Amino acid sequence: MEPMVNLLKAIADLNEEVIRLAARFDQSSSESLVYSVEQAAEVLGVSRSKMYDLLHRPDFPVVDLGHRRVIPRKQLSAWLDQQCMKKAR
């Protein structure tokens, strides 16, 4: 019976560690200053090709970092707010 108890304790400890790691992952990804193109597309609920269309708009917030394009989180939120205000008029 003791080996079974030890196994269950080890599983419980492992489960706690997985929960801690998942919480750290969620926290670090939610605190990111920028989105990748793929992340921004997911957040906006659009396809990757539509996201690339948006990147070419002069009013869309995008930053070139070398060969990588990123979308600042705060500016994307502000851009969305602006789009909503335009639509409300």
PDB file of N, CA and C in Angstrom:
ATOM      1  N   MET A   1       0.820  -1.203   0.000  1.00  0.00           N
ATOM      2  CA  MET A   1       0.000   0.000   0.000  1.00  0.00           C
ATOM      3  C   MET A   1       0.861   1.263   0.000  1.00  0.00           C
ATOM      4  N   GLU A   2       2.030   1.195   0.683  1.00  0.00           N
ATOM      5  CA  GLU A   2       2.902   2.360   0.777  1.00  0.00           C
ATOM      6  C   GLU A   2       3.412   2.831  -0.589  1.00  0.00           C
ATOM      7  N   PRO A   3       3.794   1.932  -1.505  1.00  0.00           N
ATOM      8  CA  PRO A   3       4.220   2.405  -2.827  1.00  0.00           C
ATOM      9  C   PRO A   3       3.112   3.187  -3.543  1.00  0.00           C
ATOM     10  N   MET A   4       1.877   2.779  -3.360  1.00  0.00           N
ATOM     11  CA  MET A   4       0.760   3.476  -3.982  1.00  0.00           C
ATOM     12  C   MET A   4       0.619   4.881  -3.402  1.00  0.00           C
ATOM     13  N   VAL A   5       0.763   5.030  -2.104  1.00  0.00           N
ATOM     14  CA  VAL A   5       0.684   6.324  -1.439  1.00  0.00           C
ATOM     15  C   VAL A   5       1.809   7.223  -1.932  1.00  0.00           C
ATOM     16  N   ASN A   6       3.009   6.672  -2.043  1.00  0.00           N
ATOM     17  CA  ASN A   6       4.148   7.448  -2.545  1.00  0.00           C
ATOM     18  C   ASN A   6       3.913   7.899  -3.990  1.00  0.00           C
ATOM     19  N   LEU A   7       3.367   7.023  -4.790  1.00  0.00           N
ATOM     20  CA  LEU A   7       3.073   7.371  -6.178  1.00  0.00           C
ATOM     21  C   LEU A   7       2.033   8.486  -6.255  1.00  0.00           C
ATOM     22  N   LEU A   8       0.985   8.390  -5.474  1.00  0.00           N
ATOM     23  CA  LEU A   8      -0.052   9.428  -5.461  1.00  0.00           C
ATOM     24  C   LEU A   8       0.510  10.761  -4.975  1.00  0.00           C
ATOM     25  N   LYS A   9       1.403  10.729  -3.987  1.00  0.00           N
ATOM     26  CA  LYS A   9       2.026  11.959  -3.506  1.00  0.00           C
ATOM     27  C   LYS A   9       2.897  12.574  -4.601  1.00  0.00           C
ATOM     28  N   ALA A  10       3.640  11.742  -5.309  1.00  0.00           N
ATOM     29  CA  ALA A  10       4.492  12.236  -6.396  1.00  0.00           C
ATOM     30  C   ALA A  10       3.641  12.849  -7.508  1.00  0.00           C
ATOM     31  N   ILE A  11       2.524  12.237  -7.813  1.00  0.00           N
ATOM     32  CA  ILE A  11       1.614  12.783  -8.836  1.00  0.00           C
ATOM     33  C   ILE A  11       1.044  14.117  -8.383  1.00  0.00           C
ATOM     34  N   ALA A  12       0.668  14.224  -7.123  1.00  0.00           N
ATOM     35  CA  ALA A  12       0.125  15.485  -6.588  1.00  0.00           C
ATOM     36  C   ALA A  12       1.185  16.582  -6.640  1.00  0.00           C
ATOM     37  N   ASP A  13       2.435  16.244  -6.271  1.00  0.00           N
ATOM     38  CA  ASP A  13       3.522  17.226  -6.333  1.00  0.00           C
ATOM     39  C   ASP A  13       3.769  17.675  -7.764  1.00  0.00           C
ATOM     40  N   LEU A  14       3.771  16.742  -8.679  1.00  0.00           N
ATOM     41  CA  LEU A  14       3.965  17.063 -10.091  1.00  0.00           C
ATOM     42  C   LEU A  14       2.832  17.945 -10.613  1.00  0.00           C
ATOM     43  N   ASN A  15       1.621  17.650 -10.214  1.00  0.00           N
ATOM     44  CA  ASN A  15       0.466  18.444 -10.615  1.00  0.00           C
ATOM     45  C   ASN A  15       0.595  19.886 -10.125  1.00  0.00           C
ATOM     46  N   GLU A  16       1.035  20.050  -8.879  1.00  0.00           N
ATOM     47  CA  GLU A  16       1.232  21.397  -8.331  1.00  0.00           C
ATOM     48  C   GLU A  16       2.293  22.158  -9.122  1.00  0.00           C
ATOM     49  N   GLU A  17       3.361  21.473  -9.501  1.00  0.00           N
ATOM     50  CA  GLU A  17       4.428  22.119 -10.274  1.00  0.00           C
ATOM     51  C   GLU A  17       3.924  22.536 -11.662  1.00  0.00           C
ATOM     52  N   VAL A  18       3.126  21.700 -12.291  1.00  0.00           N
ATOM     53  CA  VAL A  18       2.542  22.034 -13.595  1.00  0.00           C
ATOM     54  C   VAL A  18       1.653  23.268 -13.476  1.00  0.00           C
ATOM     55  N   ILE A  19       0.866  23.343 -12.438  1.00  0.00           N
ATOM     56  CA  ILE A  19      -0.008  24.501 -12.216  1.00  0.00           C
ATOM     57  C   ILE A  19       0.823  25.760 -12.015  1.00  0.00           C
ATOM     58  N   ARG A  20       1.908  25.671 -11.241  1.00  0.00           N
ATOM     59  CA  ARG A  20       2.789  26.837 -11.030  1.00  0.00           C
ATOM     60  C   ARG A  20       3.418  27.290 -12.337  1.00  0.00           C
ATOM     61  N   LEU A  21       3.908  26.343 -13.131  1.00  0.00           N
ATOM     62  CA  LEU A  21       4.529  26.689 -14.409  1.00  0.00           C
ATOM     63  C   LEU A  21       3.520  27.303 -15.376  1.00  0.00           C
ATOM     64  N   ALA A  22       2.325  26.766 -15.410  1.00  0.00           N
ATOM     65  CA  ALA A  22       1.284  27.308 -16.290  1.00  0.00           C
ATOM     66  C   ALA A  22       0.918  28.728 -15.882  1.00  0.00           C
ATOM     67  N   ALA A  23       0.854  28.986 -14.595  1.00  0.00           N
ATOM     68  CA  ALA A  23       0.536  30.334 -14.116  1.00  0.00           C
ATOM     69  C   ALA A  23       1.645  31.305 -14.500  1.00  0.00           C
ATOM     70  N   ARG A  24       2.899  30.887 -14.381  1.00  0.00           N
ATOM     71  CA  ARG A  24       4.023  31.748 -14.789  1.00  0.00           C
ATOM     72  C   ARG A  24       3.984  32.018 -16.274  1.00  0.00           C
ATOM     73  N   PHE A  25       3.666  31.011 -17.076  1.00  0.00           N
ATOM     74  CA  PHE A  25       3.579  31.177 -18.526  1.00  0.00           C
ATOM     75  C   PHE A  25       2.473  32.162 -18.881  1.00  0.00           C
ATOM     76  N   ASP A  26       1.307  32.014 -18.273  1.00  0.00           N
ATOM     77  CA  ASP A  26       0.195  32.928 -18.533  1.00  0.00           C
ATOM     78  C   ASP A  26       0.558  34.355 -18.151  1.00  0.00           C
ATOM     79  N   GLN A  27       1.217  34.518 -17.028  1.00  0.00           N
ATOM     80  CA  GLN A  27       1.585  35.845 -16.549  1.00  0.00           C
ATOM     81  C   GLN A  27       2.606  36.484 -17.477  1.00  0.00           C
ATOM     82  N   SER A  28       3.622  35.742 -17.903  1.00  0.00           N
ATOM     83  CA  SER A  28       4.658  36.333 -18.747  1.00  0.00           C
ATOM     84  C   SER A  28       4.119  36.671 -20.122  1.00  0.00           C
ATOM     85  N   SER A  29       3.234  35.847 -20.679  1.00  0.00           N
ATOM     86  CA  SER A  29       2.700  36.145 -22.003  1.00  0.00           C
ATOM     87  C   SER A  29       1.708  37.300 -21.954  1.00  0.00           C
ATOM     88  N   SER A  30       1.007  37.469 -20.842  1.00  0.00           N
ATOM     89  CA  SER A  30       0.053  38.561 -20.748  1.00  0.00           C
ATOM     90  C   SER A  30       0.738  39.889 -20.487  1.00  0.00           C
ATOM     91  N   GLU A  31       1.989  39.870 -20.038  1.00  0.00           N
ATOM     92  CA  GLU A  31       2.713  41.092 -19.744  1.00  0.00           C
ATOM     93  C   GLU A  31       3.602  41.535 -20.893  1.00  0.00           C
ATOM     94  N   SER A  32       3.596  40.813 -21.990  1.00  0.00           N
ATOM     95  CA  SER A  32       4.426  41.164 -23.127  1.00  0.00           C
ATOM     96  C   SER A  32       4.036  42.545 -23.652  1.00  0.00           C
ATOM     97  N   LEU A  33       5.026  43.325 -24.039  1.00  0.00           N
ATOM     98  CA  LEU A  33       4.758  44.667 -24.548  1.00  0.00           C
ATOM     99  C   LEU A  33       4.255  44.664 -25.979  1.00  0.00           C
ATOM    100  N   VAL A  34       4.583  43.610 -26.717  1.00  0.00           N
ATOM    101  CA  VAL A  34       4.220  43.555 -28.129  1.00  0.00           C
ATOM    102  C   VAL A  34       3.631  42.195 -28.485  1.00  0.00           C
ATOM    103  N   TYR A  35       2.890  42.198 -29.583  1.00  0.00           N
ATOM    104  CA  TYR A  35       2.393  40.958 -30.183  1.00  0.00           C
ATOM    105  C   TYR A  35       3.205  40.656 -31.429  1.00  0.00           C
ATOM    106  N   SER A  36       3.389  39.387 -31.709  1.00  0.00           N
ATOM    107  CA  SER A  36       3.885  39.003 -33.024  1.00  0.00           C
ATOM    108  C   SER A  36       2.719  39.167 -33.994  1.00  0.00           C
ATOM    109  N   VAL A  37       2.999  39.070 -35.279  1.00  0.00           N
ATOM    110  CA  VAL A  37       1.927  39.181 -36.272  1.00  0.00           C
ATOM    111  C   VAL A  37       0.889  38.094 -36.027  1.00  0.00           C
ATOM    112  N   GLU A  38       1.345  36.886 -35.749  1.00  0.00           N
ATOM    113  CA  GLU A  38       0.424  35.769 -35.521  1.00  0.00           C
ATOM    114  C   GLU A  38      -0.402  35.984 -34.251  1.00  0.00           C
ATOM    115  N   GLN A  39       0.234  36.473 -33.189  1.00  0.00           N
ATOM    116  CA  GLN A  39      -0.491  36.729 -31.939  1.00  0.00           C
ATOM    117  C   GLN A  39      -1.539  37.825 -32.130  1.00  0.00           C
ATOM    118  N   ALA A  40      -1.164  38.884 -32.841  1.00  0.00           N
ATOM    119  CA  ALA A  40      -2.111  39.978 -33.083  1.00  0.00           C
ATOM    120  C   ALA A  40      -3.296  39.484 -33.903  1.00  0.00           C
ATOM    121  N   ALA A  41      -3.034  38.646 -34.896  1.00  0.00           N
ATOM    122  CA  ALA A  41      -4.121  38.091 -35.704  1.00  0.00           C
ATOM    123  C   ALA A  41      -5.068  37.284 -34.827  1.00  0.00           C
ATOM    124  N   GLU A  42      -4.511  36.503 -33.918  1.00  0.00           N
ATOM    125  CA  GLU A  42      -5.340  35.699 -33.019  1.00  0.00           C
ATOM    126  C   GLU A  42      -6.159  36.591 -32.096  1.00  0.00           C
ATOM    127  N   VAL A  43      -5.515  37.628 -31.539  1.00  0.00           N
ATOM    128  CA  VAL A  43      -6.210  38.541 -30.629  1.00  0.00           C
ATOM    129  C   VAL A  43      -7.349  39.252 -31.349  1.00  0.00           C
ATOM    130  N   LEU A  44      -7.093  39.670 -32.587  1.00  0.00           N
ATOM    131  CA  LEU A  44      -8.116  40.378 -33.348  1.00  0.00           C
ATOM    132  C   LEU A  44      -9.152  39.439 -33.962  1.00  0.00           C
ATOM    133  N   GLY A  45      -8.830  38.168 -34.002  1.00  0.00           N
ATOM    134  CA  GLY A  45      -9.761  37.196 -34.588  1.00  0.00           C
ATOM    135  C   GLY A  45      -9.816  37.271 -36.098  1.00  0.00           C
ATOM    136  N   VAL A  46      -8.660  37.565 -36.713  1.00  0.00           N
ATOM    137  CA  VAL A  46      -8.599  37.655 -38.174  1.00  0.00           C
ATOM    138  C   VAL A  46      -7.579  36.651 -38.687  1.00  0.00           C
ATOM    139  N   SER A  47      -7.636  36.399 -39.975  1.00  0.00           N
ATOM    140  CA  SER A  47      -6.678  35.483 -40.589  1.00  0.00           C
ATOM    141  C   SER A  47      -5.312  36.142 -40.681  1.00  0.00           C
ATOM    142  N   ARG A  48      -4.318  35.334 -40.935  1.00  0.00           N
ATOM    143  CA  ARG A  48      -2.963  35.869 -41.081  1.00  0.00           C
ATOM    144  C   ARG A  48      -2.874  36.799 -42.292  1.00  0.00           C
ATOM    145  N   SER A  49      -3.536  36.439 -43.374  1.00  0.00           N
ATOM    146  CA  SER A  49      -3.481  37.301 -44.565  1.00  0.00           C
ATOM    147  C   SER A  49      -4.180  38.636 -44.308  1.00  0.00           C
ATOM    148  N   LYS A  50      -5.292  38.630 -43.583  1.00  0.00           N
ATOM    149  CA  LYS A  50      -5.956  39.886 -43.223  1.00  0.00           C
ATOM    150  C   LYS A  50      -5.059  40.718 -42.317  1.00  0.00           C
ATOM    151  N   MET A  51      -4.314  40.051 -41.436  1.00  0.00           N
ATOM    152  CA  MET A  51      -3.396  40.762 -40.555  1.00  0.00           C
ATOM    153  C   MET A  51      -2.333  41.477 -41.375  1.00  0.00           C
ATOM    154  N   TYR A  52      -1.819  40.817 -42.396  1.00  0.00           N
ATOM    155  CA  TYR A  52      -0.812  41.461 -43.247  1.00  0.00           C
ATOM    156  C   TYR A  52      -1.419  42.628 -44.020  1.00  0.00           C
ATOM    157  N   ASP A  53      -2.689  42.538 -44.384  1.00  0.00           N
ATOM    158  CA  ASP A  53      -3.371  43.691 -45.000  1.00  0.00           C
ATOM    159  C   ASP A  53      -3.390  44.869 -44.026  1.00  0.00           C
ATOM    160  N   LEU A  54      -3.710  44.583 -42.772  1.00  0.00           N
ATOM    161  CA  LEU A  54      -3.747  45.639 -41.753  1.00  0.00           C
ATOM    162  C   LEU A  54      -2.370  46.275 -41.552  1.00  0.00           C
ATOM    163  N   LEU A  55      -1.327  45.462 -41.620  1.00  0.00           N
ATOM    164  CA  LEU A  55       0.030  45.981 -41.421  1.00  0.00           C
ATOM    165  C   LEU A  55       0.409  47.037 -42.453  1.00  0.00           C
ATOM    166  N   HIS A  56      -0.235  47.002 -43.602  1.00  0.00           N
ATOM    167  CA  HIS A  56       0.072  47.962 -44.665  1.00  0.00           C
ATOM    168  C   HIS A  56      -0.755  49.242 -44.561  1.00  0.00           C
ATOM    169  N   ARG A  57      -1.683  49.285 -43.633  1.00  0.00           N
ATOM    170  CA  ARG A  57      -2.454  50.520 -43.442  1.00  0.00           C
ATOM    171  C   ARG A  57      -1.585  51.559 -42.748  1.00  0.00           C
ATOM    172  N   PRO A  58      -1.640  52.804 -43.209  1.00  0.00           N
ATOM    173  CA  PRO A  58      -0.793  53.829 -42.597  1.00  0.00           C
ATOM    174  C   PRO A  58      -1.144  54.130 -41.135  1.00  0.00           C
ATOM    175  N   ASP A  59      -2.387  53.877 -40.739  1.00  0.00           N
ATOM    176  CA  ASP A  59      -2.789  54.181 -39.362  1.00  0.00           C
ATOM    177  C   ASP A  59      -2.621  53.000 -38.408  1.00  0.00           C
ATOM    178  N   PHE A  60      -2.197  51.851 -38.918  1.00  0.00           N
ATOM    179  CA  PHE A  60      -2.074  50.666 -38.066  1.00  0.00           C
ATOM    180  C   PHE A  60      -0.739  50.677 -37.333  1.00  0.00           C
ATOM    181  N   PRO A  61      -0.751  50.422 -36.012  1.00  0.00           N
ATOM    182  CA  PRO A  61       0.483  50.485 -35.225  1.00  0.00           C
ATOM    183  C   PRO A  61       1.363  49.252 -35.410  1.00  0.00           C
ATOM    184  N   VAL A  62       2.458  49.422 -36.088  1.00  0.00           N
ATOM    185  CA  VAL A  62       3.406  48.327 -36.293  1.00  0.00           C
ATOM    186  C   VAL A  62       4.816  48.891 -36.185  1.00  0.00           C
ATOM    187  N   VAL A  63       5.699  48.087 -35.614  1.00  0.00           N
ATOM    188  CA  VAL A  63       7.093  48.489 -35.442  1.00  0.00           C
ATOM    189  C   VAL A  63       7.971  47.443 -36.109  1.00  0.00           C
ATOM    190  N   ASP A  64       8.912  47.909 -36.914  1.00  0.00           N
ATOM    191  CA  ASP A  64       9.884  47.002 -37.529  1.00  0.00           C
ATOM    192  C   ASP A  64      11.084  46.865 -36.606  1.00  0.00           C
ATOM    193  N   LEU A  65      11.373  45.642 -36.220  1.00  0.00           N
ATOM    194  CA  LEU A  65      12.548  45.342 -35.397  1.00  0.00           C
ATOM    195  C   LEU A  65      13.451  44.424 -36.213  1.00  0.00           C
ATOM    196  N   GLY A  66      14.328  45.034 -36.977  1.00  0.00           N
ATOM    197  CA  GLY A  66      15.159  44.237 -37.873  1.00  0.00           C
ATOM    198  C   GLY A  66      14.283  43.614 -38.937  1.00  0.00           C
ATOM    199  N   HIS A  67      14.303  42.303 -39.015  1.00  0.00           N
ATOM    200  CA  HIS A  67      13.476  41.586 -39.997  1.00  0.00           C
ATOM    201  C   HIS A  67      12.138  41.157 -39.417  1.00  0.00           C
ATOM    202  N   ARG A  68      11.842  41.613 -38.227  1.00  0.00           N
ATOM    203  CA  ARG A  68      10.613  41.204 -37.539  1.00  0.00           C
ATOM    204  C   ARG A  68       9.684  42.394 -37.385  1.00  0.00           C
ATOM    205  N   ARG A  69       8.404  42.163 -37.570  1.00  0.00           N
ATOM    206  CA  ARG A  69       7.395  43.193 -37.360  1.00  0.00           C
ATOM    207  C   ARG A  69       6.598  42.810 -36.121  1.00  0.00           C
ATOM    208  N   VAL A  70       6.424  43.779 -35.220  1.00  0.00           N
ATOM    209  CA  VAL A  70       5.661  43.545 -34.002  1.00  0.00           C
ATOM    210  C   VAL A  70       4.623  44.633 -33.839  1.00  0.00           C
ATOM    211  N   ILE A  71       3.594  44.328 -33.097  1.00  0.00           N
ATOM    212  CA  ILE A  71       2.494  45.258 -32.868  1.00  0.00           C
ATOM    213  C   ILE A  71       2.460  45.568 -31.374  1.00  0.00           C
ATOM    214  N   PRO A  72       2.725  46.829 -30.999  1.00  0.00           N
ATOM    215  CA  PRO A  72       2.690  47.192 -29.585  1.00  0.00           C
ATOM    216  C   PRO A  72       1.285  47.016 -29.012  1.00  0.00           C
ATOM    217  N   ARG A  73       1.208  46.364 -27.880  1.00  0.00           N
ATOM    218  CA  ARG A  73      -0.063  46.022 -27.242  1.00  0.00           C
ATOM    219  C   ARG A  73      -0.913  47.261 -26.951  1.00  0.00           C
ATOM    220  N   LYS A  74      -0.341  48.269 -26.336  1.00  0.00           N
ATOM    221  CA  LYS A  74      -1.112  49.460 -25.961  1.00  0.00           C
ATOM    222  C   LYS A  74      -1.588  50.226 -27.194  1.00  0.00           C
ATOM    223  N   GLN A  75      -0.718  50.339 -28.193  1.00  0.00           N
ATOM    224  CA  GLN A  75      -1.108  51.060 -29.409  1.00  0.00           C
ATOM    225  C   GLN A  75      -2.178  50.305 -30.191  1.00  0.00           C
ATOM    226  N   LEU A  76      -2.138  48.985 -30.150  1.00  0.00           N
ATOM    227  CA  LEU A  76      -3.184  48.209 -30.814  1.00  0.00           C
ATOM    228  C   LEU A  76      -4.527  48.456 -30.139  1.00  0.00           C
ATOM    229  N   SER A  77      -4.513  48.486 -28.821  1.00  0.00           N
ATOM    230  CA  SER A  77      -5.744  48.762 -28.084  1.00  0.00           C
ATOM    231  C   SER A  77      -6.275  50.149 -28.423  1.00  0.00           C
ATOM    232  N   ALA A  78      -5.377  51.144 -28.476  1.00  0.00           N
ATOM    233  CA  ALA A  78      -5.795  52.513 -28.822  1.00  0.00           C
ATOM    234  C   ALA A  78      -6.320  52.567 -30.255  1.00  0.00           C
ATOM    235  N   TRP A  79      -5.672  51.843 -31.159  1.00  0.00           N
ATOM    236  CA  TRP A  79      -6.118  51.812 -32.556  1.00  0.00           C
ATOM    237  C   TRP A  79      -7.528  51.214 -32.652  1.00  0.00           C
ATOM    238  N   LEU A  80      -7.772  50.148 -31.899  1.00  0.00           N
ATOM    239  CA  LEU A  80      -9.107  49.538 -31.885  1.00  0.00           C
ATOM    240  C   LEU A  80     -10.151  50.522 -31.357  1.00  0.00           C
ATOM    241  N   ASP A  81      -9.794  51.255 -30.305  1.00  0.00           N
ATOM    242  CA  ASP A  81     -10.705  52.267 -29.760  1.00  0.00           C
ATOM    243  C   ASP A  81     -11.032  53.328 -30.830  1.00  0.00           C
ATOM    244  N   GLN A  82     -10.013  53.743 -31.573  1.00  0.00           N
ATOM    245  CA  GLN A  82     -10.224  54.725 -32.643  1.00  0.00           C
ATOM    246  C   GLN A  82     -11.162  54.182 -33.714  1.00  0.00           C
ATOM    247  N   GLN A  83     -10.984  52.914 -34.059  1.00  0.00           N
ATOM    248  CA  GLN A  83     -11.840  52.302 -35.071  1.00  0.00           C
ATOM    249  C   GLN A  83     -13.289  52.265 -34.598  1.00  0.00           C
ATOM    250  N   CYS A  84     -13.478  52.000 -33.320  1.00  0.00           N
ATOM    251  CA  CYS A  84     -14.831  51.977 -32.756  1.00  0.00           C
ATOM    252  C   CYS A  84     -15.451  53.372 -32.778  1.00  0.00           C
ATOM    253  N   MET A  85     -14.646  54.382 -32.478  1.00  0.00           N
ATOM    254  CA  MET A  85     -15.144  55.770 -32.483  1.00  0.00           C
ATOM    255  C   MET A  85     -15.535  56.184 -33.895  1.00  0.00           C
ATOM    256  N   LYS A  86     -14.754  55.790 -34.888  1.00  0.00           N
ATOM    257  CA  LYS A  86     -15.062  56.117 -36.283  1.00  0.00           C
ATOM    258  C   LYS A  86     -16.372  55.459 -36.691  1.00  0.00           C
ATOM    259  N   LYS A  87     -16.564  54.230 -36.261  1.00  0.00           N
ATOM    260  CA  LYS A  87     -17.763  53.472 -36.609  1.00  0.00           C
ATOM    261  C   LYS A  87     -18.997  54.072 -35.955  1.00  0.00           C
ATOM    262  N   ALA A  88     -18.828  54.637 -34.752  1.00  0.00           N
ATOM    263  CA  ALA A  88     -19.956  55.199 -34.007  1.00  0.00           C
ATOM    264  C   ALA A  88     -20.459  56.517 -34.610  1.00  0.00           C
ATOM    265  N   ARG A  89     -19.612  57.151 -35.394  1.00  0.00           N
ATOM    266  CA  ARG A  89     -20.008  58.465 -35.967  1.00  0.00           C
ATOM    267  C   ARG A  89     -20.992  58.323 -37.070  1.00  0.00           C
TER     268      ARG A  89
END
